C-alpha atoms as a PDB file:
ATOM      1  CA  UNK A   1     -14.893  -6.924 -15.433  1.00  0.00           C
ATOM      2  CA  UNK A   2     -16.832  -7.980 -11.958  1.00  0.00           C
ATOM      3  CA  UNK A   3     -15.358 -10.779  -9.495  1.00  0.00           C
ATOM      4  CA  UNK A   4     -17.389 -12.764  -7.006  1.00  0.00           C
ATOM      5  CA  UNK A   5     -15.931 -14.151  -3.511  1.00  0.00           C
ATOM      6  CA  UNK A   6     -16.629 -15.515  -0.518  1.00  0.00           C
ATOM      7  CA  UNK A   7     -14.164 -13.648   2.620  1.00  0.00           C
ATOM      8  CA  UNK A   8     -14.715 -15.096   6.138  1.00  0.00           C
ATOM      9  CA  UNK A   9     -12.056 -13.339   8.398  1.00  0.00           C
ATOM     10  CA  UNK A  10     -11.811 -13.184  11.969  1.00  0.00           C
ATOM     11  CA  UNK A  11     -10.813  -9.947  13.518  1.00  0.00           C
ATOM     12  CA  UNK A  12      -7.755 -11.269  14.444  1.00  0.00           C
ATOM     13  CA  UNK A  13      -6.865 -13.081  11.204  1.00  0.00           C
ATOM     14  CA  UNK A  14      -7.457  -9.360   9.670  1.00  0.00           C
ATOM     15  CA  UNK A  15      -5.146  -7.529  11.946  1.00  0.00           C
ATOM     16  CA  UNK A  16      -2.297  -7.466  10.088  1.00  0.00           C
ATOM     17  CA  UNK A  17      -3.974  -6.249   6.739  1.00  0.00           C
ATOM     18  CA  UNK A  18      -5.750  -3.356   9.111  1.00  0.00           C
ATOM     19  CA  UNK A  19      -2.374  -2.568  10.880  1.00  0.00           C
ATOM     20  CA  UNK A  20      -0.640  -2.687   7.734  1.00  0.00           C
ATOM     21  CA  UNK A  21       2.072  -4.989   8.293  1.00  0.00           C
ATOM     22  CA  UNK A  22       0.564  -7.262   5.289  1.00  0.00           C
ATOM     23  CA  UNK A  23      -1.145  -6.123   2.450  1.00  0.00           C
ATOM     24  CA  UNK A  24      -2.622  -8.367  -0.279  1.00  0.00           C
ATOM     25  CA  UNK A  25      -5.759 -10.717   0.958  1.00  0.00           C
ATOM     26  CA  UNK A  26      -5.780 -13.777  -1.399  1.00  0.00           C
ATOM     27  CA  UNK A  27      -9.390 -15.029  -2.710  1.00  0.00           C
ATOM     28  CA  UNK A  28     -10.483 -17.071  -4.984  1.00  0.00           C
ATOM     29  CA  UNK A  29     -13.709 -16.008  -7.247  1.00  0.00           C
ATOM     30  CA  UNK A  30     -16.537 -17.878  -7.782  1.00  0.00           C
ATOM     31  CA  UNK A  31     -14.993 -19.455 -11.311  1.00  0.00           C
ATOM     32  CA  UNK A  32     -11.734 -20.830  -9.546  1.00  0.00           C
ATOM     33  CA  UNK A  33      -9.628 -17.664 -10.561  1.00  0.00           C
ATOM     34  CA  UNK A  34      -7.251 -16.406  -7.456  1.00  0.00           C
ATOM     35  CA  UNK A  35      -7.173 -12.648  -6.790  1.00  0.00           C
ATOM     36  CA  UNK A  36      -5.275 -10.466  -4.584  1.00  0.00           C
ATOM     37  CA  UNK A  37      -6.840  -7.479  -3.005  1.00  0.00           C
ATOM     38  CA  UNK A  38      -5.326  -5.135  -1.204  1.00  0.00           C
ATOM     39  CA  UNK A  39      -6.514  -5.186   2.553  1.00  0.00           C
ATOM     40  CA  UNK A  40      -7.199  -1.460   3.000  1.00  0.00           C
ATOM     41  CA  UNK A  41     -10.008  -2.331   0.702  1.00  0.00           C
ATOM     42  CA  UNK A  42     -12.085  -4.260   3.236  1.00  0.00           C
ATOM     43  CA  UNK A  43     -11.657  -1.996   6.352  1.00  0.00           C
ATOM     44  CA  UNK A  44     -15.193  -0.668   5.745  1.00  0.00           C
ATOM     45  CA  UNK A  45     -16.243  -4.229   6.043  1.00  0.00           C
ATOM     46  CA  UNK A  46     -14.482  -4.995   9.390  1.00  0.00           C
ATOM     47  CA  UNK A  47     -16.405  -6.196  12.722  1.00  0.00           C
ATOM     48  CA  UNK A  48     -15.539  -7.211  16.072  1.00  0.00           C
ATOM     49  CA  UNK A  49     -16.479 -10.216  14.345  1.00  0.00           C
ATOM     50  CA  UNK A  50     -13.933  -9.698  11.536  1.00  0.00           C
ATOM     51  CA  UNK A  51     -14.528  -9.450   7.419  1.00  0.00           C
ATOM     52  CA  UNK A  52     -17.595 -11.743   6.569  1.00  0.00           C
ATOM     53  CA  UNK A  53     -19.624 -12.023   3.401  1.00  0.00           C
ATOM     54  CA  UNK A  54     -20.050 -12.456   0.177  1.00  0.00           C
ATOM     55  CA  UNK A  55     -18.390  -9.691  -2.116  1.00  0.00           C
ATOM     56  CA  UNK A  56     -18.203  -8.334  -5.404  1.00  0.00           C
ATOM     57  CA  UNK A  57     -14.888  -6.733  -7.009  1.00  0.00           C
ATOM     58  CA  UNK A  58     -14.832  -3.882  -9.996  1.00  0.00           C
ATOM     59  CA  UNK A  59     -12.002  -3.842 -12.148  1.00  0.00           C
ATOM     60  CA  UNK A  60     -11.287  -1.607 -15.035  1.00  0.00           C
ATOM     61  CA  UNK A  61     -10.062  -2.555 -18.268  1.00  0.00           C
ATOM     62  CA  UNK A  62      -6.649  -2.212 -17.267  1.00  0.00           C
ATOM     63  CA  UNK A  63      -7.071  -4.140 -14.271  1.00  0.00           C
ATOM     64  CA  UNK A  64      -7.346  -1.511 -11.735  1.00  0.00           C
ATOM     65  CA  UNK A  65      -9.679  -1.046  -8.857  1.00  0.00           C
ATOM     66  CA  UNK A  66     -12.977   0.510  -9.192  1.00  0.00           C
ATOM     67  CA  UNK A  67     -15.043  -0.486  -6.383  1.00  0.00           C
ATOM     68  CA  UNK A  68     -15.678  -3.314  -3.783  1.00  0.00           C
ATOM     69  CA  UNK A  69     -19.278  -3.958  -2.584  1.00  0.00           C
ATOM     70  CA  UNK A  70     -20.815  -6.529  -0.061  1.00  0.00           C
ATOM     71  CA  UNK A  71     -23.557  -8.244  -2.238  1.00  0.00           C
ATOM     72  CA  UNK A  72     -25.650 -10.784   0.937  1.00  0.00           C
END
């Protein structure tokens, strides 16, 4: 199952997730569903500007994380 959403966090806003102080990034997908995603999954997308873009989250039939990809 795939979920599509946008995320725009500055470097400072993302810092607690990078440091492990905060865990779940909360986003709303394009259909209005609220998702909580462990911040560690966004580390690969972090730049000096932060984490910005449109993403696709894929989960399996049990709701377990499979992958996250930037789609723009």
